[in-house]
Amino acid sequence: MKRRDFLKWAGAGGLVIPSWAVIPEAAAQNALYSGRILINVHASGGIDQSSWVDPREADRTLNNYAGVTPANVSGNIRTAPMGNNKAFFDRYFMQTLVINGVSSETNSHEDGTRAHATGRLDMGYPNMSELFASVHGKGLPMPWLNAGGFRTSAGLVAATPMPSLDALRALATPNAQSATTDFMKQSDIDLVHAARLERMKALDARSDTLPRMRIVAQQFLAAAEARATLQRVSQFLPATLDNFPAAHVGLIAAQAGITSTIQLTSGGFDTHSNHDAQMANALPRLTDLVDYIWQKSAALGIANRILVRIYSEFGRTPLNNSNGKDHWSVGSQVLMEAAPAWGNRVFGASGPRHQALRINPATGAVDPTNGVIITPRHIHAALRTYLGINTTDPRFNLRVAANEVPALFDPNARTGYPTL
């Protein structure tokens, strides 16, 4: 029986199952997850590339800082003199790849969010987190933890909404009334669970068991394995959460080995007016969140397993009459790992006013004749290979020719900030 069929049957029978505690499709993995962890951070609203990692220092129609304050320089990466950009990239430039000149092929929030999450403007493609979870997190209790952004499933793995600390604690230790008191004697609970498990094993082994009863027995056995896995989380739960609760819960789940990918969001980037003032709030929230991910994951001992992708639905135009910026299809993405061979690089570029430019996929050089315009599907194609999540399913083919896949992870392929 498919999981969706079981849920329909359970609902018809009056059984209520929380969305974040659904029984896994398969029995929980015997070994807790210890592989790579993908963290997608959606800069919601359309982050302005020239306030971020593709600065323009001379054109005051683009930036108020132009001609007044020069761009920050952190290794080979240039950033706008706004927010906490300098401190953040001074700290992390060696583990950072900037991808500039990315064409979202839209200036719609909904379509751009979907395109950057899935790689395609078309509907029906899996979120990168979903595809990653379907390959690396199958059978985990919470393979794909989602705290915002695009979460529509393509049918591979359903997103698990990020639980609160109390919900996670209740899920991991349902018999605990408090930190020191249980609802019932745990030894009695263990005896009940053991008896139920033996009864279900016997029921599943009988040749004359009715199909529906066999299904119930098999689902119970799968749930028992998942429950045992979830109980491991209790040893990692703190008394309180840090200032980034969703990220904290996600990293706890990753440390405990019950999730493989985390999706987070940081908003405030839809700056149609008072652009600089809004950036003064939104940029530090984003960089502080990502800094927290790296600092906390290091403290938890999992930093060397993490890849962080920071993306937005599109970029932004020059300044308008309200001193804001409107939607623009060309923007930037950022990739980070703890100690990558491909860090401290910029791949791709946009024109003087952030026009899309053609880039040689193999070298990163601007190539107006034979180059390709980088789109989300090109980035996804490179990431699918790098993360080991390529799929042969023709329904999810990104339709990117092999010679168009950008060499994002080749340390020798770079564009920098060409003078155009």
Foldseek 3Di string as FASTA:
>chain_A
DFQVVVVVVCVVVVHDDDLLQRQARAFADPDFADFFFEEEEAAEQAAAFCQFFFNFAADVLAPVNRPPDDWADQQLTTHRPAACRNVLCVVFQQFKEKEFQAFQVDLDQVQLLCCLQFVDSDPLGAGPQLLLLLPRVHRFSAAEEEDDTDQDGSPRDHHNHQDALVVLLCLLPVQCPDPPDGVDPVVVVVVVVVVVLVVLVVLCPDPPRDPVSNVVSNSVNSSVSNNVLSNLLNVQRDPDADPVRSLRSVLSCVLSRRYRYYYHYFYQRNWLAPNRVSRNPRVNVVSVVVVCNQVVNVVSVRQQSYKYKYYYSAHWFGQDPRRTTHGDRTHMMMIGGDRALQGNAYAAHADSRRHFFFAQQEASAGDRPPGHGHYSNLVVVVVCVVSVSDDPPVVNDSPDDPRRRHPSRDNRRHYRYDDD
